[in-house]
Amino acid sequence: MAKRRHNIIPLFTTRATAIVSVALVLFILGIASLIGVATHKVTDGIKEKMGFVILFNDDTTVSDIEMVKKILVKEPAVASMVYSSPEVVLGRWQKMIGEDEDIVKLAGINPFVGELEVRVGKNYACSDSIDRITGSVMLLPQVSEVKIHTELVDRVNATLRSVTFGLLSVAVALLIVSFVLIFNTVRLSVYARRFTIHTMQLVGATAGFVRRPFLRDNLINGLVAGLIASGVIFAMTYYCRTLGSSVAEVIAWQDMFPVAGCLILIGMLICFVAAIFATNRYLRLSYDEMFK
């Protein structure tokens, strides 16, 4: 009995070490995924506010403004439009600078004209799409000027590309690290049982029969590691939400479940593939090569 216990303890320790190691890698991968989700949400929120402002001529009538709106409604890139009369623009400007300055008394007239603020969809928040729309709008006789913030659009898109590339690089590096880690762990486990494997082959056991318990055990290891990583991420997110931070605004609970599911699948997949490579190596060895 003592000998049996002596064999069980190292096996349990090796398996627990493998599970915890994979769980740590999956945890970091999950955090990177949530950062990516939050970044895309924030960026989409910024993109939904992007667009341009159309300034009309002084003699533009209500029918002229409605005609311009009908033209823009036909554009699939346009998400919303808000018209501000000269009086509304004046009140907004007056509120911004304070009540001490009365520009109407100073100038004698309202110097502002009507504005139509146009916002584009997040999928069209790029310089090319906005320039295509504004190019035709500028040709309308009712329009005096079009204000475009293309620099902000290009800066946001460039930032999103950089963040996406960085997160993908981190994810690939973590997957490679986890695969190597699992491969070495499984290889040590198979190495310790290499003579048992050879004996099974001598009595006619097929490669699939020998490989099956290793694959099953590592699938379970990947499942447990994914559950541990997902549980820790859920706990951290819940704790951050209780503190009243902005985590609740950018990461919803419905965003967590796909990430958790992917972590479990990735953990099972890398453990399964690593077990295949590790077992195949020793299945091809002869008896003499096992001592090397």
C-alpha atoms as a PDB file:
ATOM      1  CA  MET A   1       0.000   0.000   0.000  1.00  0.00           C
ATOM      2  CA  ALA A   2       2.827   2.374   0.777  1.00  0.00           C
ATOM      3  CA  LYS A   3       4.279   1.828  -2.675  1.00  0.00           C
ATOM      4  CA  ARG A   4       0.933   2.496  -4.306  1.00  0.00           C
ATOM      5  CA  ARG A   5       0.535   5.720  -2.365  1.00  0.00           C
ATOM      6  CA  HIS A   6       4.076   6.736  -3.303  1.00  0.00           C
ATOM      7  CA  ASN A   7       3.187   6.387  -6.972  1.00  0.00           C
ATOM      8  CA  ILE A   8      -0.139   8.187  -6.700  1.00  0.00           C
ATOM      9  CA  ILE A   9       1.221  11.304  -4.997  1.00  0.00           C
ATOM     10  CA  PRO A  10       3.794  12.239  -7.694  1.00  0.00           C
ATOM     11  CA  LEU A  11       1.187  11.547 -10.394  1.00  0.00           C
ATOM     12  CA  PHE A  12      -1.323  13.813  -8.662  1.00  0.00           C
ATOM     13  CA  THR A  13       1.333  16.491  -8.116  1.00  0.00           C
ATOM     14  CA  THR A  14       2.372  16.413 -11.781  1.00  0.00           C
ATOM     15  CA  ARG A  15      -1.213  16.635 -12.944  1.00  0.00           C
ATOM     16  CA  ALA A  16      -2.048  19.462 -10.533  1.00  0.00           C
ATOM     17  CA  THR A  17       1.042  21.382 -11.652  1.00  0.00           C
ATOM     18  CA  ALA A  18       0.033  20.999 -15.287  1.00  0.00           C
ATOM     19  CA  ILE A  19      -3.525  22.164 -14.588  1.00  0.00           C
ATOM     20  CA  VAL A  20      -2.421  25.208 -12.593  1.00  0.00           C
ATOM     21  CA  SER A  21       0.184  26.154 -15.204  1.00  0.00           C
ATOM     22  CA  VAL A  22      -2.307  25.982 -18.043  1.00  0.00           C
ATOM     23  CA  ALA A  23      -4.889  27.850 -15.955  1.00  0.00           C
ATOM     24  CA  LEU A  24      -2.431  30.704 -15.404  1.00  0.00           C
ATOM     25  CA  VAL A  25      -1.726  30.963 -19.127  1.00  0.00           C
ATOM     26  CA  LEU A  26      -5.442  30.841 -19.941  1.00  0.00           C
ATOM     27  CA  PHE A  27      -6.119  33.476 -17.276  1.00  0.00           C
ATOM     28  CA  ILE A  28      -3.669  35.892 -18.892  1.00  0.00           C
ATOM     29  CA  LEU A  29      -5.138  35.064 -22.294  1.00  0.00           C
ATOM     30  CA  GLY A  30      -8.626  35.762 -20.937  1.00  0.00           C
ATOM     31  CA  ILE A  31      -7.550  39.115 -19.512  1.00  0.00           C
ATOM     32  CA  ALA A  32      -6.048  40.032 -22.907  1.00  0.00           C
ATOM     33  CA  SER A  33      -9.324  39.017 -24.587  1.00  0.00           C
ATOM     34  CA  LEU A  34     -11.393  41.176 -22.228  1.00  0.00           C
ATOM     35  CA  ILE A  35      -9.076  44.111 -22.840  1.00  0.00           C
ATOM     36  CA  GLY A  36      -9.663  43.610 -26.545  1.00  0.00           C
ATOM     37  CA  VAL A  37     -13.438  43.524 -26.024  1.00  0.00           C
ATOM     38  CA  ALA A  38     -13.325  46.686 -23.910  1.00  0.00           C
ATOM     39  CA  THR A  39     -11.100  48.454 -26.446  1.00  0.00           C
ATOM     40  CA  HIS A  40     -13.440  47.641 -29.310  1.00  0.00           C
ATOM     41  CA  LYS A  41     -16.459  48.821 -27.301  1.00  0.00           C
ATOM     42  CA  VAL A  42     -14.828  52.125 -26.424  1.00  0.00           C
ATOM     43  CA  THR A  43     -13.653  52.580 -30.003  1.00  0.00           C
ATOM     44  CA  ASP A  44     -17.114  51.782 -31.366  1.00  0.00           C
ATOM     45  CA  GLY A  45     -18.570  54.369 -28.999  1.00  0.00           C
ATOM     46  CA  ILE A  46     -16.138  56.962 -30.348  1.00  0.00           C
ATOM     47  CA  LYS A  47     -16.811  55.945 -33.939  1.00  0.00           C
ATOM     48  CA  GLU A  48     -20.568  56.314 -33.458  1.00  0.00           C
ATOM     49  CA  LYS A  49     -19.993  59.986 -32.620  1.00  0.00           C
ATOM     50  CA  MET A  50     -17.875  60.636 -35.705  1.00  0.00           C
ATOM     51  CA  GLY A  51     -19.130  62.412 -38.768  1.00  0.00           C
ATOM     52  CA  PHE A  52     -19.241  65.940 -40.145  1.00  0.00           C
ATOM     53  CA  VAL A  53     -21.142  69.227 -39.777  1.00  0.00           C
ATOM     54  CA  ILE A  54     -22.868  70.952 -42.697  1.00  0.00           C
ATOM     55  CA  LEU A  55     -23.111  74.750 -42.565  1.00  0.00           C
ATOM     56  CA  PHE A  56     -25.933  76.240 -44.656  1.00  0.00           C
ATOM     57  CA  ASN A  57     -26.128  79.598 -46.428  1.00  0.00           C
ATOM     58  CA  ASP A  58     -27.932  82.539 -44.815  1.00  0.00           C
ATOM     59  CA  ASP A  59     -30.807  82.399 -47.307  1.00  0.00           C
ATOM     60  CA  THR A  60     -31.412  78.649 -46.965  1.00  0.00           C
ATOM     61  CA  THR A  61     -35.061  77.788 -46.444  1.00  0.00           C
ATOM     62  CA  VAL A  62     -36.674  74.950 -44.508  1.00  0.00           C
ATOM     63  CA  SER A  63     -37.492  73.137 -47.745  1.00  0.00           C
ATOM     64  CA  ASP A  64     -33.843  73.359 -48.804  1.00  0.00           C
ATOM     65  CA  ILE A  65     -32.726  71.795 -45.510  1.00  0.00           C
ATOM     66  CA  GLU A  66     -35.293  68.996 -45.883  1.00  0.00           C
ATOM     67  CA  MET A  67     -34.039  68.330 -49.388  1.00  0.00           C
ATOM     68  CA  VAL A  68     -30.471  67.945 -48.113  1.00  0.00           C
ATOM     69  CA  LYS A  69     -31.730  65.574 -45.413  1.00  0.00           C
ATOM     70  CA  LYS A  70     -33.517  63.433 -48.002  1.00  0.00           C
ATOM     71  CA  ILE A  71     -30.293  63.166 -50.005  1.00  0.00           C
ATOM     72  CA  LEU A  72     -28.314  62.090 -46.932  1.00  0.00           C
ATOM     73  CA  VAL A  73     -30.955  59.572 -45.798  1.00  0.00           C
ATOM     74  CA  LYS A  74     -30.290  57.572 -48.970  1.00  0.00           C
ATOM     75  CA  GLU A  75     -26.637  57.146 -47.945  1.00  0.00           C
ATOM     76  CA  PRO A  76     -26.126  53.825 -46.105  1.00  0.00           C
ATOM     77  CA  ALA A  77     -23.200  55.316 -44.184  1.00  0.00           C
ATOM     78  CA  VAL A  78     -25.343  57.981 -42.482  1.00  0.00           C
ATOM     79  CA  ALA A  79     -26.593  56.844 -39.068  1.00  0.00           C
ATOM     80  CA  SER A  80     -28.284  59.983 -37.719  1.00  0.00           C
ATOM     81  CA  MET A  81     -28.770  63.703 -38.375  1.00  0.00           C
ATOM     82  CA  VAL A  82     -29.531  66.582 -36.023  1.00  0.00           C
ATOM     83  CA  TYR A  83     -30.358  70.058 -37.312  1.00  0.00           C
ATOM     84  CA  SER A  84     -29.598  73.134 -35.216  1.00  0.00           C
ATOM     85  CA  SER A  85     -31.128  76.469 -36.167  1.00  0.00           C
ATOM     86  CA  PRO A  86     -29.049  79.674 -36.025  1.00  0.00           C
ATOM     87  CA  GLU A  87     -30.710  80.536 -32.715  1.00  0.00           C
ATOM     88  CA  VAL A  88     -29.791  77.145 -31.214  1.00  0.00           C
ATOM     89  CA  VAL A  89     -26.192  77.504 -32.405  1.00  0.00           C
ATOM     90  CA  LEU A  90     -26.070  80.988 -30.895  1.00  0.00           C
ATOM     91  CA  GLY A  91     -27.387  79.735 -27.556  1.00  0.00           C
ATOM     92  CA  ARG A  92     -24.849  76.906 -27.527  1.00  0.00           C
ATOM     93  CA  TRP A  93     -22.010  79.310 -28.271  1.00  0.00           C
ATOM     94  CA  GLN A  94     -23.286  81.795 -25.654  1.00  0.00           C
ATOM     95  CA  LYS A  95     -23.406  79.065 -23.019  1.00  0.00           C
ATOM     96  CA  MET A  96     -19.851  78.027 -23.851  1.00  0.00           C
ATOM     97  CA  ILE A  97     -18.304  81.492 -23.477  1.00  0.00           C
ATOM     98  CA  GLY A  98     -20.566  82.755 -20.675  1.00  0.00           C
ATOM     99  CA  GLU A  99     -23.402  85.212 -20.319  1.00  0.00           C
ATOM    100  CA  ASP A 100     -21.139  88.269 -20.054  1.00  0.00           C
ATOM    101  CA  GLU A 101     -20.653  88.509 -23.810  1.00  0.00           C
ATOM    102  CA  ASP A 102     -23.700  89.233 -25.988  1.00  0.00           C
ATOM    103  CA  ILE A 103     -22.532  88.839 -29.562  1.00  0.00           C
ATOM    104  CA  VAL A 104     -25.904  89.841 -30.995  1.00  0.00           C
ATOM    105  CA  LYS A 105     -25.714  93.257 -29.335  1.00  0.00           C
ATOM    106  CA  LEU A 106     -22.106  93.655 -30.407  1.00  0.00           C
ATOM    107  CA  ALA A 107     -22.600  92.583 -34.018  1.00  0.00           C
ATOM    108  CA  GLY A 108     -26.177  93.697 -34.424  1.00  0.00           C
ATOM    109  CA  ILE A 109     -27.170  90.380 -36.004  1.00  0.00           C
ATOM    110  CA  ASN A 110     -26.885  86.678 -35.344  1.00  0.00           C
ATOM    111  CA  PRO A 111     -23.624  85.719 -37.079  1.00  0.00           C
ATOM    112  CA  PHE A 112     -24.337  81.984 -36.967  1.00  0.00           C
ATOM    113  CA  VAL A 113     -26.058  79.899 -39.614  1.00  0.00           C
ATOM    114  CA  GLY A 114     -27.995  76.664 -39.420  1.00  0.00           C
ATOM    115  CA  GLU A 115     -25.969  73.497 -38.911  1.00  0.00           C
ATOM    116  CA  LEU A 116     -26.722  69.882 -39.713  1.00  0.00           C
ATOM    117  CA  GLU A 117     -24.661  67.466 -37.626  1.00  0.00           C
ATOM    118  CA  VAL A 118     -24.337  64.154 -39.438  1.00  0.00           C
ATOM    119  CA  ARG A 119     -23.046  61.001 -37.768  1.00  0.00           C
ATOM    120  CA  VAL A 120     -21.945  57.963 -39.709  1.00  0.00           C
ATOM    121  CA  GLY A 121     -22.172  54.304 -38.732  1.00  0.00           C
ATOM    122  CA  LYS A 122     -19.226  52.738 -36.965  1.00  0.00           C
ATOM    123  CA  ASN A 123     -18.463  50.603 -40.021  1.00  0.00           C
ATOM    124  CA  TYR A 124     -18.139  53.754 -42.122  1.00  0.00           C
ATOM    125  CA  ALA A 125     -16.085  55.779 -39.642  1.00  0.00           C
ATOM    126  CA  CYS A 126     -13.086  56.204 -41.933  1.00  0.00           C
ATOM    127  CA  SER A 127     -11.743  59.071 -44.011  1.00  0.00           C
ATOM    128  CA  ASP A 128     -12.605  57.460 -47.346  1.00  0.00           C
ATOM    129  CA  SER A 129     -16.290  56.953 -46.526  1.00  0.00           C
ATOM    130  CA  ILE A 130     -16.698  60.415 -45.009  1.00  0.00           C
ATOM    131  CA  ASP A 131     -14.864  62.108 -47.892  1.00  0.00           C
ATOM    132  CA  ARG A 132     -17.087  60.299 -50.406  1.00  0.00           C
ATOM    133  CA  ILE A 133     -20.236  61.627 -48.748  1.00  0.00           C
ATOM    134  CA  THR A 134     -19.003  65.150 -48.145  1.00  0.00           C
ATOM    135  CA  GLY A 135     -17.651  65.413 -51.686  1.00  0.00           C
ATOM    136  CA  SER A 136     -21.176  65.355 -53.110  1.00  0.00           C
ATOM    137  CA  VAL A 137     -22.628  67.454 -50.266  1.00  0.00           C
ATOM    138  CA  MET A 138     -20.188  70.311 -50.898  1.00  0.00           C
ATOM    139  CA  LEU A 139     -21.554  70.658 -54.439  1.00  0.00           C
ATOM    140  CA  LEU A 140     -25.057  71.502 -53.209  1.00  0.00           C
ATOM    141  CA  PRO A 141     -25.945  75.199 -53.589  1.00  0.00           C
ATOM    142  CA  GLN A 142     -27.526  75.334 -50.106  1.00  0.00           C
ATOM    143  CA  VAL A 143     -24.256  74.344 -48.399  1.00  0.00           C
ATOM    144  CA  SER A 144     -21.621  76.941 -47.582  1.00  0.00           C
ATOM    145  CA  GLU A 145     -19.103  74.753 -45.733  1.00  0.00           C
ATOM    146  CA  VAL A 146     -18.585  71.217 -44.425  1.00  0.00           C
ATOM    147  CA  LYS A 147     -16.476  70.645 -41.311  1.00  0.00           C
ATOM    148  CA  ILE A 148     -14.780  67.257 -41.172  1.00  0.00           C
ATOM    149  CA  HIS A 149     -12.640  65.882 -38.361  1.00  0.00           C
ATOM    150  CA  THR A 150     -10.707  63.384 -40.450  1.00  0.00           C
ATOM    151  CA  GLU A 151      -7.604  63.585 -38.264  1.00  0.00           C
ATOM    152  CA  LEU A 152      -9.538  62.215 -35.272  1.00  0.00           C
ATOM    153  CA  VAL A 153     -11.022  59.455 -37.417  1.00  0.00           C
ATOM    154  CA  ASP A 154      -7.608  58.359 -38.705  1.00  0.00           C
ATOM    155  CA  ARG A 155      -6.099  58.531 -35.211  1.00  0.00           C
ATOM    156  CA  VAL A 156      -8.818  56.333 -33.702  1.00  0.00           C
ATOM    157  CA  ASN A 157      -8.544  53.755 -36.486  1.00  0.00           C
ATOM    158  CA  ALA A 158      -4.750  53.669 -36.179  1.00  0.00           C
ATOM    159  CA  THR A 159      -4.995  53.191 -32.412  1.00  0.00           C
ATOM    160  CA  LEU A 160      -7.469  50.353 -32.849  1.00  0.00           C
ATOM    161  CA  ARG A 161      -5.206  48.600 -35.344  1.00  0.00           C
ATOM    162  CA  SER A 162      -2.225  48.915 -33.012  1.00  0.00           C
ATOM    163  CA  VAL A 163      -4.135  47.580 -30.003  1.00  0.00           C
ATOM    164  CA  THR A 164      -5.576  44.695 -32.037  1.00  0.00           C
ATOM    165  CA  PHE A 165      -2.145  43.732 -33.360  1.00  0.00           C
ATOM    166  CA  GLY A 166      -0.635  43.899 -29.870  1.00  0.00           C
ATOM    167  CA  LEU A 167      -3.355  41.722 -28.336  1.00  0.00           C
ATOM    168  CA  LEU A 168      -3.094  39.177 -31.148  1.00  0.00           C
ATOM    169  CA  SER A 169       0.671  39.011 -30.641  1.00  0.00           C
ATOM    170  CA  VAL A 170       0.202  38.418 -26.911  1.00  0.00           C
ATOM    171  CA  ALA A 171      -2.423  35.750 -27.592  1.00  0.00           C
ATOM    172  CA  VAL A 172      -0.178  33.885 -30.051  1.00  0.00           C
ATOM    173  CA  ALA A 173       2.781  34.051 -27.652  1.00  0.00           C
ATOM    174  CA  LEU A 174       0.660  32.718 -24.781  1.00  0.00           C
ATOM    175  CA  LEU A 175      -0.678  29.875 -26.915  1.00  0.00           C
ATOM    176  CA  ILE A 176       2.869  28.868 -27.873  1.00  0.00           C
ATOM    177  CA  VAL A 177       3.990  29.004 -24.239  1.00  0.00           C
ATOM    178  CA  SER A 178       1.017  26.940 -23.075  1.00  0.00           C
ATOM    179  CA  PHE A 179       1.539  24.356 -25.813  1.00  0.00           C
ATOM    180  CA  VAL A 180       5.221  23.933 -24.965  1.00  0.00           C
ATOM    181  CA  LEU A 181       4.380  23.722 -21.267  1.00  0.00           C
ATOM    182  CA  ILE A 182       1.756  21.041 -21.780  1.00  0.00           C
ATOM    183  CA  PHE A 183       3.938  19.147 -24.235  1.00  0.00           C
ATOM    184  CA  ASN A 184       6.787  18.926 -21.739  1.00  0.00           C
ATOM    185  CA  THR A 185       4.461  17.921 -18.905  1.00  0.00           C
ATOM    186  CA  VAL A 186       2.829  15.186 -20.951  1.00  0.00           C
ATOM    187  CA  ARG A 187       6.194  14.024 -22.252  1.00  0.00           C
ATOM    188  CA  LEU A 188       7.450  13.544 -18.701  1.00  0.00           C
ATOM    189  CA  SER A 189       4.292  11.635 -17.819  1.00  0.00           C
ATOM    190  CA  VAL A 190       4.652   9.392 -20.874  1.00  0.00           C
ATOM    191  CA  TYR A 191       8.378   8.965 -20.238  1.00  0.00           C
ATOM    192  CA  ALA A 192       7.667   7.653 -16.750  1.00  0.00           C
ATOM    193  CA  ARG A 193       5.353   5.019 -18.258  1.00  0.00           C
ATOM    194  CA  ARG A 194       7.371   4.246 -21.384  1.00  0.00           C
ATOM    195  CA  PHE A 195       8.093   0.648 -20.339  1.00  0.00           C
ATOM    196  CA  THR A 196       4.422   0.037 -19.616  1.00  0.00           C
ATOM    197  CA  ILE A 197       3.628   1.387 -23.067  1.00  0.00           C
ATOM    198  CA  HIS A 198       6.222  -0.923 -24.629  1.00  0.00           C
ATOM    199  CA  THR A 199       4.809  -3.914 -22.746  1.00  0.00           C
ATOM    200  CA  MET A 200       1.314  -3.077 -23.964  1.00  0.00           C
ATOM    201  CA  GLN A 201       2.625  -2.934 -27.518  1.00  0.00           C
ATOM    202  CA  LEU A 202       4.271  -6.351 -27.120  1.00  0.00           C
ATOM    203  CA  VAL A 203       0.940  -7.938 -26.197  1.00  0.00           C
ATOM    204  CA  GLY A 204      -0.745  -6.444 -29.257  1.00  0.00           C
ATOM    205  CA  ALA A 205      -2.114  -3.104 -28.017  1.00  0.00           C
ATOM    206  CA  THR A 206      -2.671  -0.663 -30.869  1.00  0.00           C
ATOM    207  CA  ALA A 207      -1.341   2.886 -30.892  1.00  0.00           C
ATOM    208  CA  GLY A 208      -4.865   4.248 -30.443  1.00  0.00           C
ATOM    209  CA  PHE A 209      -5.470   2.031 -27.408  1.00  0.00           C
ATOM    210  CA  VAL A 210      -2.206   3.176 -25.770  1.00  0.00           C
ATOM    211  CA  ARG A 211      -2.803   6.816 -26.638  1.00  0.00           C
ATOM    212  CA  ARG A 212      -6.425   6.940 -25.452  1.00  0.00           C
ATOM    213  CA  PRO A 213      -5.921   7.315 -21.656  1.00  0.00           C
ATOM    214  CA  PHE A 214      -3.332  10.069 -22.142  1.00  0.00           C
ATOM    215  CA  LEU A 215      -5.654  12.000 -24.450  1.00  0.00           C
ATOM    216  CA  ARG A 216      -8.593  11.555 -22.071  1.00  0.00           C
ATOM    217  CA  ASP A 217      -6.620  12.705 -19.045  1.00  0.00           C
ATOM    218  CA  ASN A 218      -5.297  15.780 -20.850  1.00  0.00           C
ATOM    219  CA  LEU A 219      -8.717  16.715 -22.161  1.00  0.00           C
ATOM    220  CA  ILE A 220      -9.907  16.692 -18.562  1.00  0.00           C
ATOM    221  CA  ASN A 221      -6.855  18.733 -17.536  1.00  0.00           C
ATOM    222  CA  GLY A 222      -7.656  21.339 -20.194  1.00  0.00           C
ATOM    223  CA  LEU A 223     -11.298  21.443 -19.127  1.00  0.00           C
ATOM    224  CA  VAL A 224     -10.411  21.940 -15.466  1.00  0.00           C
ATOM    225  CA  ALA A 225      -7.782  24.570 -16.319  1.00  0.00           C
ATOM    226  CA  GLY A 226     -10.281  26.478 -18.459  1.00  0.00           C
ATOM    227  CA  LEU A 227     -12.905  26.365 -15.703  1.00  0.00           C
ATOM    228  CA  ILE A 228     -10.387  27.626 -13.134  1.00  0.00           C
ATOM    229  CA  ALA A 229      -9.240  30.487 -15.373  1.00  0.00           C
ATOM    230  CA  SER A 230     -12.830  31.442 -16.235  1.00  0.00           C
ATOM    231  CA  GLY A 231     -13.860  31.328 -12.581  1.00  0.00           C
ATOM    232  CA  VAL A 232     -11.016  33.610 -11.525  1.00  0.00           C
ATOM    233  CA  ILE A 233     -11.836  36.076 -14.327  1.00  0.00           C
ATOM    234  CA  PHE A 234     -15.518  36.102 -13.355  1.00  0.00           C
ATOM    235  CA  ALA A 235     -14.565  36.706  -9.714  1.00  0.00           C
ATOM    236  CA  MET A 236     -12.216  39.574 -10.621  1.00  0.00           C
ATOM    237  CA  THR A 237     -14.820  41.178 -12.870  1.00  0.00           C
ATOM    238  CA  TYR A 238     -17.485  40.897 -10.193  1.00  0.00           C
ATOM    239  CA  TYR A 239     -15.146  42.451  -7.641  1.00  0.00           C
ATOM    240  CA  CYS A 240     -14.338  45.358  -9.960  1.00  0.00           C
ATOM    241  CA  ARG A 241     -18.039  45.931 -10.610  1.00  0.00           C
ATOM    242  CA  THR A 242     -18.769  46.078  -6.876  1.00  0.00           C
ATOM    243  CA  LEU A 243     -16.196  48.845  -6.532  1.00  0.00           C
ATOM    244  CA  GLY A 244     -18.235  51.008  -8.877  1.00  0.00           C
ATOM    245  CA  SER A 245     -15.532  51.199 -11.510  1.00  0.00           C
ATOM    246  CA  SER A 246     -16.119  51.693 -15.239  1.00  0.00           C
ATOM    247  CA  VAL A 247     -15.670  47.969 -15.862  1.00  0.00           C
ATOM    248  CA  ALA A 248     -19.448  47.500 -15.929  1.00  0.00           C
ATOM    249  CA  GLU A 249     -19.729  50.072 -18.721  1.00  0.00           C
ATOM    250  CA  VAL A 250     -17.278  48.414 -21.102  1.00  0.00           C
ATOM    251  CA  ILE A 251     -17.538  44.718 -20.126  1.00  0.00           C
ATOM    252  CA  ALA A 252     -21.023  43.269 -19.795  1.00  0.00           C
ATOM    253  CA  TRP A 253     -21.788  39.835 -18.401  1.00  0.00           C
ATOM    254  CA  GLN A 254     -22.869  38.651 -21.842  1.00  0.00           C
ATOM    255  CA  ASP A 255     -19.337  39.431 -23.059  1.00  0.00           C
ATOM    256  CA  MET A 256     -17.869  37.187 -20.389  1.00  0.00           C
ATOM    257  CA  PHE A 257     -19.551  33.940 -21.391  1.00  0.00           C
ATOM    258  CA  PRO A 258     -18.073  33.730 -24.931  1.00  0.00           C
ATOM    259  CA  VAL A 259     -14.612  34.471 -23.496  1.00  0.00           C
ATOM    260  CA  ALA A 260     -15.034  31.771 -20.843  1.00  0.00           C
ATOM    261  CA  GLY A 261     -16.233  29.276 -23.443  1.00  0.00           C
ATOM    262  CA  CYS A 262     -13.262  30.038 -25.678  1.00  0.00           C
ATOM    263  CA  LEU A 263     -10.837  29.610 -22.772  1.00  0.00           C
ATOM    264  CA  ILE A 264     -12.251  26.170 -21.980  1.00  0.00           C
ATOM    265  CA  LEU A 265     -12.099  25.089 -25.624  1.00  0.00           C
ATOM    266  CA  ILE A 266      -8.568  26.435 -26.055  1.00  0.00           C
ATOM    267  CA  GLY A 267      -7.397  24.695 -22.884  1.00  0.00           C
ATOM    268  CA  MET A 268      -8.833  21.368 -24.008  1.00  0.00           C
ATOM    269  CA  LEU A 269      -7.481  21.787 -27.538  1.00  0.00           C
ATOM    270  CA  ILE A 270      -3.887  22.610 -26.621  1.00  0.00           C
ATOM    271  CA  CYS A 271      -3.794  19.820 -24.016  1.00  0.00           C
ATOM    272  CA  PHE A 272      -5.205  17.346 -26.540  1.00  0.00           C
ATOM    273  CA  VAL A 273      -2.787  18.314 -29.335  1.00  0.00           C
ATOM    274  CA  ALA A 274       0.218  18.350 -26.983  1.00  0.00           C
ATOM    275  CA  ALA A 275      -0.721  14.878 -25.715  1.00  0.00           C
ATOM    276  CA  ILE A 276      -0.872  13.562 -29.274  1.00  0.00           C
ATOM    277  CA  PHE A 277       2.615  14.849 -30.096  1.00  0.00           C
ATOM    278  CA  ALA A 278       4.083  13.606 -26.812  1.00  0.00           C
ATOM    279  CA  THR A 279       2.623  10.080 -27.016  1.00  0.00           C
ATOM    280  CA  ASN A 280       3.461   9.641 -30.695  1.00  0.00           C
ATOM    281  CA  ARG A 281       7.104  10.263 -29.917  1.00  0.00           C
ATOM    282  CA  TYR A 282       7.374   7.318 -27.514  1.00  0.00           C
ATOM    283  CA  LEU A 283       5.137   5.034 -29.537  1.00  0.00           C
ATOM    284  CA  ARG A 284       7.731   5.052 -32.293  1.00  0.00           C
ATOM    285  CA  LEU A 285      10.686   4.213 -30.020  1.00  0.00           C
ATOM    286  CA  SER A 286      12.225   0.780 -29.850  1.00  0.00           C
ATOM    287  CA  TYR A 287      13.103  -0.892 -26.546  1.00  0.00           C
ATOM    288  CA  ASP A 288      16.789   0.077 -26.780  1.00  0.00           C
ATOM    289  CA  GLU A 289      15.956   3.702 -27.598  1.00  0.00           C
ATOM    290  CA  MET A 290      13.914   4.022 -24.407  1.00  0.00           C
ATOM    291  CA  PHE A 291      17.085   3.973 -22.326  1.00  0.00           C
ATOM    292  CA  LYS A 292      18.618   6.933 -24.180  1.00  0.00           C
END
